Amino acid sequence: MSWSKTGSLFSGTDQKVRIKTKQGELGLSNLEKQAAAGVVSGARTVLQAVIAWLSWPSGDAKVRRNRYMARYFLCDSARPDMGDVNTVLKTHELVTNGINTNFNLKVALDDDAHGYVGFRTGFKGVMRGVFSSRHNLGKRNGKTVSRGDIHLDRDALDDRGLAIITLIHEASHKYASTADFGDSGYLEDDGVDFEAAGLTNAQALRNADSYAWFCYNMYYQAS
């Protein structure tokens, strides 16, 4: 399948995000390009703020941290385990470092998912992860894989919040080797309850949707 570059979002002097669309689909409009760029910059802003709050929590930020640690990582709401807090902090740092480097964001219509990350296995996959600046090595079902481009459903651009959550979710797969745990790992559309019961604390600390929703609500419930 071929993809066409439709724009770039620069970060600093060297890093940029290449936004691509699927050949055969209509190219992104200027509004869609602006929306895609806004999603990337928005995710970066959210992540940087949340890392600061996790590193030096005080006052209301500490209250929110404890509340959302309990909701999304199944911790004690009064005093979450500091090992769990550090795991959440380090995972968000990996995601932040990842999306502040060069990467491709492929935007196309997708009826099956809001987003996903492409990956390759085997020797060729590992070599691509080693030598390509836009691929990285990670773990999938215990095996080393090369994680490639982040894909975003074009319709998600109509909902900035959903698009930011999706980008952080997929970036956590790509850069922090998080996992999905079926219905028990996905949040309902309001981000309050999981779609099904059964997620454990250990699973939650590896669950992509937990990180995405924790991050989003830590930032947007700040005021």
Protein backbone atom coordinates (compact mmCIF):
# COMPACT_ATOMS: atom_id res chain seq x y z
CA MET A 1 0.00 0.00 0.00
CA SER A 2 1.38 3.42 -0.95
CA TRP A 3 1.23 6.59 1.11
CA SER A 4 1.78 10.20 0.05
CA LYS A 5 3.35 12.90 2.18
CA THR A 6 0.82 15.65 2.76
CA GLY A 7 2.62 17.88 5.25
CA SER A 8 5.17 18.19 8.03
CA LEU A 9 5.05 19.43 11.60
CA PHE A 10 8.41 20.73 12.80
CA SER A 11 9.62 20.39 16.38
CA GLY A 12 12.73 22.40 17.17
CA THR A 13 15.25 22.63 14.35
CA ASP A 14 15.60 19.01 13.23
CA GLN A 15 12.70 16.84 14.32
CA LYS A 16 9.53 16.71 12.30
CA VAL A 17 6.40 14.65 11.95
CA ARG A 18 5.56 13.62 8.40
CA ILE A 19 1.81 13.46 7.91
CA LYS A 20 0.84 10.99 5.19
CA THR A 21 -2.39 9.93 3.52
CA LYS A 22 -3.24 6.77 1.62
CA GLN A 23 -2.89 7.01 -2.13
CA GLY A 24 -6.30 6.78 -3.76
CA GLU A 25 -8.04 8.77 -1.02
CA LEU A 26 -8.67 12.48 -1.28
CA GLY A 27 -5.77 14.46 0.14
CA LEU A 28 -6.20 16.12 3.50
CA SER A 29 -7.79 19.55 3.40
CA ASN A 30 -5.96 22.48 4.96
CA LEU A 31 -8.29 22.22 7.95
CA GLU A 32 -7.49 18.51 8.34
CA LYS A 33 -3.76 19.22 8.11
CA GLN A 34 -4.12 21.86 10.79
CA ALA A 35 -6.14 19.45 12.91
CA ALA A 36 -3.52 16.71 12.57
CA ALA A 37 -0.74 19.13 13.50
CA GLY A 38 -2.82 20.30 16.47
CA VAL A 39 -3.28 16.74 17.67
CA VAL A 40 0.47 16.13 17.71
CA SER A 41 1.30 19.41 19.42
CA GLY A 42 -1.59 18.89 21.84
CA ALA A 43 -0.38 15.42 22.80
CA ARG A 44 3.13 16.78 23.39
CA THR A 45 1.79 19.56 25.61
CA VAL A 46 -0.38 17.15 27.63
CA LEU A 47 2.45 14.67 28.16
CA GLN A 48 4.98 17.30 29.24
CA ALA A 49 2.57 18.76 31.77
CA VAL A 50 1.62 15.37 33.20
CA ILE A 51 5.27 14.37 33.60
CA ALA A 52 5.87 17.55 35.59
CA TRP A 53 2.87 16.81 37.82
CA LEU A 54 3.98 13.22 38.37
CA SER A 55 7.53 14.31 39.19
CA TRP A 56 6.63 17.06 41.68
CA PRO A 57 2.99 16.62 42.71
CA SER A 58 1.46 19.03 45.20
CA GLY A 59 -1.94 20.31 46.14
CA ASP A 60 -4.66 19.69 43.57
CA ALA A 61 -2.27 17.93 41.19
CA LYS A 62 -1.52 15.32 43.86
CA VAL A 63 -5.24 14.81 44.53
CA ARG A 64 -5.88 14.33 40.81
CA ARG A 65 -2.90 12.01 40.49
CA ASN A 66 -4.20 9.76 43.26
CA ARG A 67 -7.75 9.77 41.90
CA TYR A 68 -6.71 8.85 38.37
CA MET A 69 -4.07 6.36 39.53
CA ALA A 70 -6.92 4.56 41.28
CA ARG A 71 -9.26 4.78 38.29
CA TYR A 72 -6.87 3.80 35.51
CA PHE A 73 -4.17 1.76 37.27
CA LEU A 74 -6.30 0.27 40.07
CA CYS A 75 -4.17 1.71 42.87
CA ASP A 76 -5.11 2.82 46.37
CA SER A 77 -6.78 6.21 45.90
CA ALA A 78 -5.50 7.50 49.25
CA ARG A 79 -1.86 6.48 48.82
CA PRO A 80 -0.82 4.80 45.55
CA ASP A 81 2.23 2.58 45.62
CA MET A 82 5.22 4.72 44.68
CA GLY A 83 6.58 1.90 42.54
CA ASP A 84 3.40 2.13 40.47
CA VAL A 85 3.71 5.92 40.29
CA ASN A 86 7.28 5.61 39.04
CA THR A 87 6.23 3.07 36.43
CA VAL A 88 3.56 5.45 35.15
CA LEU A 89 6.06 8.34 35.14
CA LYS A 90 8.73 6.38 33.26
CA THR A 91 6.24 5.12 30.69
CA HIS A 92 5.01 8.63 29.98
CA GLU A 93 8.62 9.79 29.67
CA LEU A 94 9.26 7.11 27.03
CA VAL A 95 6.16 8.21 25.10
CA THR A 96 7.13 11.88 25.34
CA ASN A 97 10.68 11.26 24.17
CA GLY A 98 9.27 9.23 21.29
CA ILE A 99 6.80 11.73 19.90
CA ASN A 100 9.34 14.54 20.23
CA THR A 101 11.50 12.82 17.59
CA ASN A 102 10.92 12.14 13.89
CA PHE A 103 7.96 9.91 13.17
CA ASN A 104 5.31 9.34 10.52
CA LEU A 105 1.62 9.90 11.23
CA LYS A 106 -0.51 8.13 8.63
CA VAL A 107 -4.06 9.45 8.42
CA ALA A 108 -6.71 7.45 6.54
CA LEU A 109 -10.31 6.31 6.87
CA ASP A 110 -10.55 3.24 9.09
CA ASP A 111 -13.83 1.64 10.11
CA ASP A 112 -12.13 -0.88 12.42
CA ALA A 113 -10.12 1.26 14.83
CA HIS A 114 -9.35 4.83 15.84
CA GLY A 115 -5.67 4.03 15.37
CA TYR A 116 -2.95 1.39 15.37
CA VAL A 117 0.81 0.93 15.02
CA GLY A 118 2.36 -1.08 12.21
CA PHE A 119 5.02 -3.64 13.17
CA ARG A 120 7.36 -6.21 11.66
CA THR A 121 8.76 -9.40 13.10
CA GLY A 122 11.79 -11.53 12.25
CA PHE A 123 15.29 -10.56 11.17
CA LYS A 124 14.16 -7.92 8.66
CA GLY A 125 11.98 -6.34 11.29
CA VAL A 126 14.82 -6.14 13.79
CA MET A 127 17.15 -4.63 11.19
CA ARG A 128 14.59 -2.00 10.31
CA GLY A 129 14.23 -1.15 13.99
CA VAL A 130 18.01 -0.81 14.33
CA PHE A 131 18.74 1.24 11.21
CA SER A 132 15.58 3.26 10.51
CA SER A 133 15.15 6.53 12.41
CA ARG A 134 11.36 6.21 12.17
CA HIS A 135 11.18 2.63 13.47
CA ASN A 136 12.09 1.35 16.90
CA LEU A 137 12.42 -1.98 18.64
CA GLY A 138 9.81 -3.10 21.15
CA LYS A 139 8.12 -6.17 22.56
CA ARG A 140 4.95 -7.84 21.32
CA ASN A 141 3.75 -11.01 23.02
CA GLY A 142 7.23 -11.43 24.43
CA LYS A 143 8.96 -11.22 21.04
CA THR A 144 11.18 -8.42 19.73
CA VAL A 145 9.50 -6.53 16.91
CA SER A 146 10.12 -3.40 14.90
CA ARG A 147 7.39 -0.86 15.49
CA GLY A 148 6.69 1.42 12.56
CA ASP A 149 4.26 4.19 11.79
CA ILE A 150 1.37 5.41 13.90
CA HIS A 151 -1.96 5.31 12.05
CA LEU A 152 -4.88 7.57 12.90
CA ASP A 153 -8.44 7.27 11.65
CA ARG A 154 -9.21 10.30 9.52
CA ASP A 155 -12.63 10.70 11.13
CA ALA A 156 -10.95 11.05 14.53
CA LEU A 157 -9.67 14.47 13.42
CA ASP A 158 -13.23 15.74 13.94
CA ASP A 159 -12.85 15.08 17.70
CA ARG A 160 -9.60 16.62 19.00
CA GLY A 161 -9.88 14.96 22.40
CA LEU A 162 -10.42 11.51 20.89
CA ALA A 163 -7.52 12.06 18.48
CA ILE A 164 -5.12 13.09 21.27
CA ILE A 165 -6.13 10.10 23.38
CA THR A 166 -5.67 7.81 20.37
CA LEU A 167 -2.25 9.24 19.53
CA ILE A 168 -1.00 8.82 23.11
CA HIS A 169 -2.47 5.29 23.22
CA GLU A 170 -0.71 4.27 20.00
CA ALA A 171 2.52 6.08 20.89
CA SER A 172 2.63 4.12 24.16
CA HIS A 173 2.55 0.92 22.08
CA LYS A 174 5.30 2.17 19.81
CA TYR A 175 7.67 3.68 22.35
CA ALA A 176 6.85 1.91 25.64
CA SER A 177 5.65 -1.55 24.48
CA THR A 178 2.30 -1.24 26.24
CA ALA A 179 -0.40 -3.80 25.48
CA ASP A 180 -4.16 -4.08 24.97
CA PHE A 181 -6.23 -6.36 27.18
CA GLY A 182 -9.45 -6.69 25.26
CA ASP A 183 -12.65 -5.15 26.61
CA SER A 184 -11.28 -5.12 30.16
CA GLY A 185 -8.48 -2.81 29.04
CA TYR A 186 -10.51 -0.31 27.01
CA LEU A 187 -12.33 2.63 28.59
CA GLU A 188 -15.87 3.62 27.73
CA ASP A 189 -16.26 6.75 25.60
CA ASP A 190 -16.50 8.96 28.70
CA GLY A 191 -13.24 7.56 30.07
CA VAL A 192 -14.77 6.69 33.46
CA ASP A 193 -15.28 2.92 33.44
CA PHE A 194 -13.61 0.03 31.64
CA GLU A 195 -15.78 -1.73 29.07
CA ALA A 196 -15.53 -4.99 31.06
CA ALA A 197 -14.30 -6.06 34.48
CA GLY A 198 -11.24 -8.16 35.11
CA LEU A 199 -8.20 -5.94 34.56
CA THR A 200 -5.55 -6.38 37.26
CA ASN A 201 -3.21 -3.75 38.66
CA ALA A 202 -0.23 -5.43 36.96
CA GLN A 203 -2.06 -5.42 33.61
CA ALA A 204 -3.22 -1.83 34.07
CA LEU A 205 0.42 -0.73 34.41
CA ARG A 206 1.00 -2.11 30.89
CA ASN A 207 -2.37 -1.06 29.44
CA ALA A 208 -2.24 1.52 26.64
CA ASP A 209 -5.71 2.97 27.23
CA SER A 210 -4.94 3.50 30.93
CA TYR A 211 -2.00 5.73 30.03
CA ALA A 212 -3.88 7.66 27.37
CA TRP A 213 -6.90 8.42 29.55
CA PHE A 214 -4.82 9.10 32.68
CA CYS A 215 -2.77 11.62 30.75
CA TYR A 216 -5.74 13.29 29.10
CA ASN A 217 -7.77 13.69 32.29
CA MET A 218 -4.80 14.78 34.40
CA TYR A 219 -4.38 17.68 31.98
CA TYR A 220 -7.91 18.65 31.05
CA GLN A 221 -9.35 18.29 34.56
CA ALA A 222 -6.70 20.66 35.88
CA SER A 223 -9.05 23.60 36.07
